[in-house]
Full PDB file with SEQRES, HELIX, SHEET, SSBOND, CRYST1, ORIGX, SCALE, CONECT and MASTER records, all heavy atoms in Angstrom:
SEQRES   1 A   32  VAL VAL ARG LEU VAL ALA LEU ASN TRP VAL GLU LEU THR          
SEQRES   2 A   32  GLN GLY PRO LEU ALA LEU THR GLY ILE PRO PRO PHE SER          
SEQRES   3 A   32  LEU GLY LEU PRO GLY LEU                                      
HELIX    1 AA1 VAL A    2  ASN A    8  1                                   7    
HELIX    2 AA2 VAL A   10  THR A   13  1                                   4    
HELIX    3 AA3 GLY A   15  LEU A   17  5                                   3    
CRYST1    1.000    1.000    1.000  90.00  90.00  90.00 P 1           1          
ORIGX1      1.000000  0.000000  0.000000        0.00000                         
ORIGX2      0.000000  1.000000  0.000000        0.00000                         
ORIGX3      0.000000  0.000000  1.000000        0.00000                         
SCALE1      1.000000  0.000000  0.000000        0.00000                         
SCALE2      0.000000  1.000000  0.000000        0.00000                         
SCALE3      0.000000  0.000000  1.000000        0.00000                         
ATOM      1  N   VAL A   1       0.840  -1.200   0.000  1.00  0.00           N  
ATOM      2  CA  VAL A   1       0.000   0.000   0.000  1.00  0.00           C  
ATOM      3  C   VAL A   1       0.876   1.251   0.000  1.00  0.00           C  
ATOM      4  O   VAL A   1       0.639   2.209  -0.760  1.00  0.00           O  
ATOM      5  CB  VAL A   1      -0.944  -0.001   1.216  1.00  0.00           C  
ATOM      6  CG1 VAL A   1      -1.600   1.367   1.392  1.00  0.00           C  
ATOM      7  CG2 VAL A   1      -2.012  -1.073   1.066  1.00  0.00           C  
ATOM      8  N   VAL A   2       1.910   1.255   0.834  1.00  0.00           N  
ATOM      9  CA  VAL A   2       2.802   2.409   0.910  1.00  0.00           C  
ATOM     10  C   VAL A   2       3.522   2.611  -0.428  1.00  0.00           C  
ATOM     11  O   VAL A   2       3.701   3.741  -0.893  1.00  0.00           O  
ATOM     12  CB  VAL A   2       3.810   2.236   2.062  1.00  0.00           C  
ATOM     13  CG1 VAL A   2       4.824   3.361   2.061  1.00  0.00           C  
ATOM     14  CG2 VAL A   2       3.084   2.205   3.398  1.00  0.00           C  
ATOM     15  N   ARG A   3       3.941   1.526  -1.059  1.00  0.00           N  
ATOM     16  CA  ARG A   3       4.622   1.634  -2.355  1.00  0.00           C  
ATOM     17  C   ARG A   3       3.702   2.241  -3.411  1.00  0.00           C  
ATOM     18  O   ARG A   3       4.120   3.100  -4.199  1.00  0.00           O  
ATOM     19  CB  ARG A   3       5.098   0.253  -2.823  1.00  0.00           C  
ATOM     20  CG  ARG A   3       5.953   0.289  -4.083  1.00  0.00           C  
ATOM     21  CD  ARG A   3       6.190  -1.102  -4.631  1.00  0.00           C  
ATOM     22  NE  ARG A   3       4.970  -1.696  -5.185  1.00  0.00           N  
ATOM     23  CZ  ARG A   3       4.528  -1.448  -6.413  1.00  0.00           C  
ATOM     24  NH1 ARG A   3       5.200  -0.640  -7.222  1.00  0.00           N  
ATOM     25  NH2 ARG A   3       3.418  -2.030  -6.849  1.00  0.00           N  
ATOM     26  N   LEU A   4       2.449   1.808  -3.422  1.00  0.00           N  
ATOM     27  CA  LEU A   4       1.499   2.340  -4.396  1.00  0.00           C  
ATOM     28  C   LEU A   4       1.211   3.822  -4.153  1.00  0.00           C  
ATOM     29  O   LEU A   4       1.034   4.596  -5.114  1.00  0.00           O  
ATOM     30  CB  LEU A   4       0.202   1.535  -4.357  1.00  0.00           C  
ATOM     31  CG  LEU A   4       0.308   0.096  -4.879  1.00  0.00           C  
ATOM     32  CD1 LEU A   4      -1.004  -0.648  -4.662  1.00  0.00           C  
ATOM     33  CD2 LEU A   4       0.686   0.096  -6.361  1.00  0.00           C  
ATOM     34  N   VAL A   5       1.163   4.230  -2.887  1.00  0.00           N  
ATOM     35  CA  VAL A   5       0.983   5.656  -2.577  1.00  0.00           C  
ATOM     36  C   VAL A   5       2.162   6.460  -3.107  1.00  0.00           C  
ATOM     37  O   VAL A   5       1.989   7.513  -3.745  1.00  0.00           O  
ATOM     38  CB  VAL A   5       0.821   5.859  -1.061  1.00  0.00           C  
ATOM     39  CG1 VAL A   5       0.884   7.348  -0.713  1.00  0.00           C  
ATOM     40  CG2 VAL A   5      -0.496   5.268  -0.579  1.00  0.00           C  
ATOM     41  N   ALA A   6       3.375   5.976  -2.861  1.00  0.00           N  
ATOM     42  CA  ALA A   6       4.562   6.677  -3.346  1.00  0.00           C  
ATOM     43  C   ALA A   6       4.606   6.725  -4.871  1.00  0.00           C  
ATOM     44  O   ALA A   6       5.083   7.704  -5.460  1.00  0.00           O  
ATOM     45  CB  ALA A   6       5.826   6.000  -2.809  1.00  0.00           C  
ATOM     46  N   LEU A   7       4.086   5.699  -5.514  1.00  0.00           N  
ATOM     47  CA  LEU A   7       4.121   5.629  -6.977  1.00  0.00           C  
ATOM     48  C   LEU A   7       3.071   6.528  -7.624  1.00  0.00           C  
ATOM     49  O   LEU A   7       3.320   7.133  -8.682  1.00  0.00           O  
ATOM     50  CB  LEU A   7       3.913   4.183  -7.422  1.00  0.00           C  
ATOM     51  CG  LEU A   7       3.947   3.901  -8.926  1.00  0.00           C  
ATOM     52  CD1 LEU A   7       5.334   4.208  -9.496  1.00  0.00           C  
ATOM     53  CD2 LEU A   7       3.565   2.449  -9.207  1.00  0.00           C  
ATOM     54  N   ASN A   8       1.907   6.653  -6.985  1.00  0.00           N  
ATOM     55  CA  ASN A   8       0.777   7.328  -7.640  1.00  0.00           C  
ATOM     56  C   ASN A   8       0.506   8.743  -7.133  1.00  0.00           C  
ATOM     57  O   ASN A   8      -0.180   9.504  -7.822  1.00  0.00           O  
ATOM     58  CB  ASN A   8      -0.488   6.485  -7.466  1.00  0.00           C  
ATOM     59  CG  ASN A   8      -0.410   5.172  -8.219  1.00  0.00           C  
ATOM     60  OD1 ASN A   8      -0.460   5.141  -9.444  1.00  0.00           O  
ATOM     61  ND2 ASN A   8      -0.257   4.078  -7.486  1.00  0.00           N  
ATOM     62  N   TRP A   9       1.003   9.107  -5.970  1.00  0.00           N  
ATOM     63  CA  TRP A   9       0.793  10.476  -5.482  1.00  0.00           C  
ATOM     64  C   TRP A   9       1.897  11.354  -6.079  1.00  0.00           C  
ATOM     65  O   TRP A   9       2.805  11.816  -5.398  1.00  0.00           O  
ATOM     66  CB  TRP A   9       0.813  10.520  -3.961  1.00  0.00           C  
ATOM     67  CG  TRP A   9       0.220  11.781  -3.406  1.00  0.00           C  
ATOM     68  CD1 TRP A   9      -0.229  12.867  -4.103  1.00  0.00           C  
ATOM     69  CD2 TRP A   9       0.011  12.086  -2.025  1.00  0.00           C  
ATOM     70  NE1 TRP A   9      -0.700  13.831  -3.255  1.00  0.00           N  
ATOM     71  CE2 TRP A   9      -0.572  13.386  -1.979  1.00  0.00           C  
ATOM     72  CE3 TRP A   9       0.249  11.397  -0.847  1.00  0.00           C  
ATOM     73  CZ2 TRP A   9      -0.891  13.998  -0.768  1.00  0.00           C  
ATOM     74  CZ3 TRP A   9      -0.079  12.004   0.355  1.00  0.00           C  
ATOM     75  CH2 TRP A   9      -0.651  13.287   0.396  1.00  0.00           C  
ATOM     76  N   VAL A  10       1.791  11.597  -7.362  1.00  0.00           N  
ATOM     77  CA  VAL A  10       2.856  12.258  -8.119  1.00  0.00           C  
ATOM     78  C   VAL A  10       3.081  13.687  -7.639  1.00  0.00           C  
ATOM     79  O   VAL A  10       4.218  14.180  -7.610  1.00  0.00           O  
ATOM     80  CB  VAL A  10       2.533  12.228  -9.620  1.00  0.00           C  
ATOM     81  CG1 VAL A  10       3.597  12.953 -10.423  1.00  0.00           C  
ATOM     82  CG2 VAL A  10       2.383  10.786 -10.097  1.00  0.00           C  
ATOM     83  N   GLU A  11       2.008  14.383  -7.245  1.00  0.00           N  
ATOM     84  CA  GLU A  11       2.147  15.777  -6.816  1.00  0.00           C  
ATOM     85  C   GLU A  11       3.072  15.905  -5.603  1.00  0.00           C  
ATOM     86  O   GLU A  11       3.794  16.901  -5.472  1.00  0.00           O  
ATOM     87  CB  GLU A  11       0.770  16.357  -6.480  1.00  0.00           C  
ATOM     88  CG  GLU A  11       0.803  17.850  -6.170  1.00  0.00           C  
ATOM     89  CD  GLU A  11      -0.567  18.387  -5.816  1.00  0.00           C  
ATOM     90  OE1 GLU A  11      -1.511  17.577  -5.655  1.00  0.00           O  
ATOM     91  OE2 GLU A  11      -0.693  19.615  -5.710  1.00  0.00           O  
ATOM     92  N   LEU A  12       3.078  14.892  -4.752  1.00  0.00           N  
ATOM     93  CA  LEU A  12       3.914  14.945  -3.551  1.00  0.00           C  
ATOM     94  C   LEU A  12       5.254  14.246  -3.755  1.00  0.00           C  
ATOM     95  O   LEU A  12       6.310  14.795  -3.412  1.00  0.00           O  
ATOM     96  CB  LEU A  12       3.175  14.304  -2.370  1.00  0.00           C  
ATOM     97  CG  LEU A  12       3.943  14.241  -1.044  1.00  0.00           C  
ATOM     98  CD1 LEU A  12       4.201  15.657  -0.514  1.00  0.00           C  
ATOM     99  CD2 LEU A  12       3.175  13.420  -0.005  1.00  0.00           C  
ATOM    100  N   THR A  13       5.233  13.035  -4.294  1.00  0.00           N  
ATOM    101  CA  THR A  13       6.445  12.203  -4.344  1.00  0.00           C  
ATOM    102  C   THR A  13       7.138  12.194  -5.705  1.00  0.00           C  
ATOM    103  O   THR A  13       8.193  11.576  -5.832  1.00  0.00           O  
ATOM    104  CB  THR A  13       6.092  10.753  -3.982  1.00  0.00           C  
ATOM    105  OG1 THR A  13       5.248  10.194  -5.013  1.00  0.00           O  
ATOM    106  CG2 THR A  13       5.376  10.673  -2.645  1.00  0.00           C  
ATOM    107  N   GLN A  14       6.528  12.835  -6.713  1.00  0.00           N  
ATOM    108  CA  GLN A  14       7.030  12.803  -8.098  1.00  0.00           C  
ATOM    109  C   GLN A  14       6.912  11.417  -8.731  1.00  0.00           C  
ATOM    110  O   GLN A  14       7.356  11.212  -9.861  1.00  0.00           O  
ATOM    111  CB  GLN A  14       8.492  13.263  -8.174  1.00  0.00           C  
ATOM    112  CG  GLN A  14       8.746  14.654  -7.657  1.00  0.00           C  
ATOM    113  CD  GLN A  14       7.952  15.716  -8.423  1.00  0.00           C  
ATOM    114  OE1 GLN A  14       7.914  15.698  -9.648  1.00  0.00           O  
ATOM    115  NE2 GLN A  14       7.319  16.612  -7.694  1.00  0.00           N  
ATOM    116  N   GLY A  15       6.330  10.465  -8.014  1.00  0.00           N  
ATOM    117  CA  GLY A  15       6.094   9.135  -8.561  1.00  0.00           C  
ATOM    118  C   GLY A  15       7.347   8.504  -9.130  1.00  0.00           C  
ATOM    119  O   GLY A  15       8.427   8.570  -8.526  1.00  0.00           O  
ATOM    120  N   PRO A  16       7.248   7.900 -10.316  1.00  0.00           N  
ATOM    121  CA  PRO A  16       8.421   7.237 -10.916  1.00  0.00           C  
ATOM    122  C   PRO A  16       9.494   8.212 -11.376  1.00  0.00           C  
ATOM    123  O   PRO A  16      10.611   7.785 -11.718  1.00  0.00           O  
ATOM    124  CB  PRO A  16       7.823   6.476 -12.109  1.00  0.00           C  
ATOM    125  CG  PRO A  16       6.557   7.206 -12.432  1.00  0.00           C  
ATOM    126  CD  PRO A  16       6.036   7.721 -11.120  1.00  0.00           C  
ATOM    127  N   LEU A  17       9.181   9.509 -11.399  1.00  0.00           N  
ATOM    128  CA  LEU A  17      10.186  10.501 -11.799  1.00  0.00           C  
ATOM    129  C   LEU A  17      11.221  10.733 -10.713  1.00  0.00           C  
ATOM    130  O   LEU A  17      12.278  11.305 -10.975  1.00  0.00           O  
ATOM    131  CB  LEU A  17       9.501  11.834 -12.156  1.00  0.00           C  
ATOM    132  CG  LEU A  17       8.518  11.778 -13.337  1.00  0.00           C  
ATOM    133  CD1 LEU A  17       7.890  13.143 -13.553  1.00  0.00           C  
ATOM    134  CD2 LEU A  17       9.225  11.307 -14.591  1.00  0.00           C  
ATOM    135  N   ALA A  18      10.928  10.348  -9.487  1.00  0.00           N  
ATOM    136  CA  ALA A  18      11.855  10.386  -8.354  1.00  0.00           C  
ATOM    137  C   ALA A  18      11.992  11.789  -7.766  1.00  0.00           C  
ATOM    138  O   ALA A  18      11.819  12.801  -8.448  1.00  0.00           O  
ATOM    139  CB  ALA A  18      13.237   9.847  -8.741  1.00  0.00           C  
ATOM    140  N   LEU A  19      12.296  11.820  -6.496  1.00  0.00           N  
ATOM    141  CA  LEU A  19      12.659  13.065  -5.815  1.00  0.00           C  
ATOM    142  C   LEU A  19      14.163  13.266  -5.990  1.00  0.00           C  
ATOM    143  O   LEU A  19      14.954  12.384  -5.636  1.00  0.00           O  
ATOM    144  CB  LEU A  19      12.321  12.988  -4.319  1.00  0.00           C  
ATOM    145  CG  LEU A  19      10.848  13.043  -3.932  1.00  0.00           C  
ATOM    146  CD1 LEU A  19      10.689  12.805  -2.435  1.00  0.00           C  
ATOM    147  CD2 LEU A  19      10.228  14.385  -4.307  1.00  0.00           C  
ATOM    148  N   THR A  20      14.548  14.401  -6.517  1.00  0.00           N  
ATOM    149  CA  THR A  20      15.965  14.660  -6.781  1.00  0.00           C  
ATOM    150  C   THR A  20      16.420  15.905  -6.018  1.00  0.00           C  
ATOM    151  O   THR A  20      15.601  16.680  -5.512  1.00  0.00           O  
ATOM    152  CB  THR A  20      16.217  14.868  -8.276  1.00  0.00           C  
ATOM    153  OG1 THR A  20      15.417  15.975  -8.731  1.00  0.00           O  
ATOM    154  CG2 THR A  20      15.839  13.622  -9.070  1.00  0.00           C  
ATOM    155  N   GLY A  21      17.728  16.073  -5.964  1.00  0.00           N  
ATOM    156  CA  GLY A  21      18.290  17.255  -5.309  1.00  0.00           C  
ATOM    157  C   GLY A  21      18.133  17.248  -3.804  1.00  0.00           C  
ATOM    158  O   GLY A  21      18.123  18.318  -3.170  1.00  0.00           O  
ATOM    159  N   ILE A  22      18.006  16.080  -3.202  1.00  0.00           N  
ATOM    160  CA  ILE A  22      17.890  15.989  -1.736  1.00  0.00           C  
ATOM    161  C   ILE A  22      19.203  16.470  -1.114  1.00  0.00           C  
ATOM    162  O   ILE A  22      20.276  15.977  -1.479  1.00  0.00           O  
ATOM    163  CB  ILE A  22      17.593  14.542  -1.304  1.00  0.00           C  
ATOM    164  CG1 ILE A  22      16.306  14.046  -1.986  1.00  0.00           C  
ATOM    165  CG2 ILE A  22      17.466  14.446   0.210  1.00  0.00           C  
ATOM    166  CD1 ILE A  22      16.056  12.563  -1.800  1.00  0.00           C  
ATOM    167  N   PRO A  23      19.147  17.417  -0.203  1.00  0.00           N  
ATOM    168  CA  PRO A  23      20.398  17.955   0.354  1.00  0.00           C  
ATOM    169  C   PRO A  23      21.079  16.963   1.286  1.00  0.00           C  
ATOM    170  O   PRO A  23      20.411  16.161   1.955  1.00  0.00           O  
ATOM    171  CB  PRO A  23      19.938  19.203   1.117  1.00  0.00           C  
ATOM    172  CG  PRO A  23      18.513  18.918   1.466  1.00  0.00           C  
ATOM    173  CD  PRO A  23      17.953  18.104   0.334  1.00  0.00           C  
ATOM    174  N   PRO A  24      22.413  17.003   1.357  1.00  0.00           N  
ATOM    175  CA  PRO A  24      23.131  16.138   2.304  1.00  0.00           C  
ATOM    176  C   PRO A  24      22.978  16.659   3.730  1.00  0.00           C  
ATOM    177  O   PRO A  24      22.538  17.795   3.953  1.00  0.00           O  
ATOM    178  CB  PRO A  24      24.584  16.235   1.826  1.00  0.00           C  
ATOM    179  CG  PRO A  24      24.662  17.578   1.177  1.00  0.00           C  
ATOM    180  CD  PRO A  24      23.327  17.825   0.538  1.00  0.00           C  
ATOM    181  N   PHE A  25      23.353  15.835   4.693  1.00  0.00           N  
ATOM    182  CA  PHE A  25      23.291  16.245   6.087  1.00  0.00           C  
ATOM    183  C   PHE A  25      24.281  17.361   6.364  1.00  0.00           C  
ATOM    184  O   PHE A  25      25.391  17.391   5.815  1.00  0.00           O  
ATOM    185  CB  PHE A  25      23.603  15.058   7.013  1.00  0.00           C  
ATOM    186  CG  PHE A  25      22.440  14.142   7.232  1.00  0.00           C  
ATOM    187  CD1 PHE A  25      22.406  12.897   6.634  1.00  0.00           C  
ATOM    188  CD2 PHE A  25      21.377  14.525   8.036  1.00  0.00           C  
ATOM    189  CE1 PHE A  25      21.340  12.047   6.838  1.00  0.00           C  
ATOM    190  CE2 PHE A  25      20.298  13.680   8.243  1.00  0.00           C  
ATOM    191  CZ  PHE A  25      20.281  12.443   7.645  1.00  0.00           C  
ATOM    192  N   SER A  26      23.876  18.271   7.239  1.00  0.00           N  
ATOM    193  CA  SER A  26      24.759  19.316   7.741  1.00  0.00           C  
ATOM    194  C   SER A  26      24.735  19.252   9.260  1.00  0.00           C  
ATOM    195  O   SER A  26      23.656  19.244   9.869  1.00  0.00           O  
ATOM    196  CB  SER A  26      24.311  20.707   7.265  1.00  0.00           C  
ATOM    197  OG  SER A  26      24.404  20.803   5.862  1.00  0.00           O  
ATOM    198  N   LEU A  27      25.900  19.189   9.859  1.00  0.00           N  
ATOM    199  CA  LEU A  27      26.014  19.070  11.307  1.00  0.00           C  
ATOM    200  C   LEU A  27      26.705  20.299  11.861  1.00  0.00           C  
ATOM    201  O   LEU A  27      27.738  20.741  11.338  1.00  0.00           O  
ATOM    202  CB  LEU A  27      26.801  17.811  11.687  1.00  0.00           C  
ATOM    203  CG  LEU A  27      26.249  16.476  11.178  1.00  0.00           C  
ATOM    204  CD1 LEU A  27      27.157  15.331  11.597  1.00  0.00           C  
ATOM    205  CD2 LEU A  27      24.840  16.246  11.697  1.00  0.00           C  
ATOM    206  N   GLY A  28      26.127  20.860  12.934  1.00  0.00           N  
ATOM    207  CA  GLY A  28      26.748  21.993  13.608  1.00  0.00           C  
ATOM    208  C   GLY A  28      27.719  21.514  14.665  1.00  0.00           C  
ATOM    209  O   GLY A  28      27.332  20.797  15.593  1.00  0.00           O  
ATOM    210  N   LEU A  29      28.972  21.880  14.537  1.00  0.00           N  
ATOM    211  CA  LEU A  29      30.012  21.473  15.480  1.00  0.00           C  
ATOM    212  C   LEU A  29      30.488  22.680  16.268  1.00  0.00           C  
ATOM    213  O   LEU A  29      30.780  23.737  15.683  1.00  0.00           O  
ATOM    214  CB  LEU A  29      31.195  20.836  14.739  1.00  0.00           C  
ATOM    215  CG  LEU A  29      30.864  19.604  13.896  1.00  0.00           C  
ATOM    216  CD1 LEU A  29      32.104  19.109  13.154  1.00  0.00           C  
ATOM    217  CD2 LEU A  29      30.302  18.494  14.774  1.00  0.00           C  
ATOM    218  N   PRO A  30      30.572  22.576  17.616  1.00  0.00           N  
ATOM    219  CA  PRO A  30      31.013  23.714  18.433  1.00  0.00           C  
ATOM    220  C   PRO A  30      32.399  24.193  18.013  1.00  0.00           C  
ATOM    221  O   PRO A  30      33.349  23.425  17.932  1.00  0.00           O  
ATOM    222  CB  PRO A  30      31.042  23.122  19.856  1.00  0.00           C  
ATOM    223  CG  PRO A  30      30.116  21.951  19.800  1.00  0.00           C  
ATOM    224  CD  PRO A  30      30.244  21.398  18.423  1.00  0.00           C  
ATOM    225  N   GLY A  31      32.487  25.487  17.736  1.00  0.00           N  
ATOM    226  CA  GLY A  31      33.761  26.082  17.377  1.00  0.00           C  
ATOM    227  C   GLY A  31      34.144  25.915  15.921  1.00  0.00           C  
ATOM    228  O   GLY A  31      35.099  26.558  15.457  1.00  0.00           O  
ATOM    229  N   LEU A  32      33.434  25.047  15.200  1.00  0.00           N  
ATOM    230  CA  LEU A  32      33.774  24.803  13.792  1.00  0.00           C  
ATOM    231  C   LEU A  32      32.664  25.225  12.843  1.00  0.00           C  
ATOM    232  O   LEU A  32      32.839  25.152  11.628  1.00  0.00           O  
ATOM    233  CB  LEU A  32      34.087  23.305  13.578  1.00  0.00           C  
ATOM    234  CG  LEU A  32      35.284  22.737  14.335  1.00  0.00           C  
ATOM    235  CD1 LEU A  32      35.397  21.247  14.086  1.00  0.00           C  
ATOM    236  CD2 LEU A  32      36.570  23.445  13.917  1.00  0.00           C  
TER     237      LEU A  32                                                      
MASTER        0    0    0    3    0    0    0    6  236    1    0    3          
END                                                                             
């Protein structure tokens, strides 16, 4: 069911076109 939602709710998940440009993690380090 979850897979079908991800595949067909194109407005939110982009469906088979995929979500792209996801940013990498950024960590705040004291002093750095």
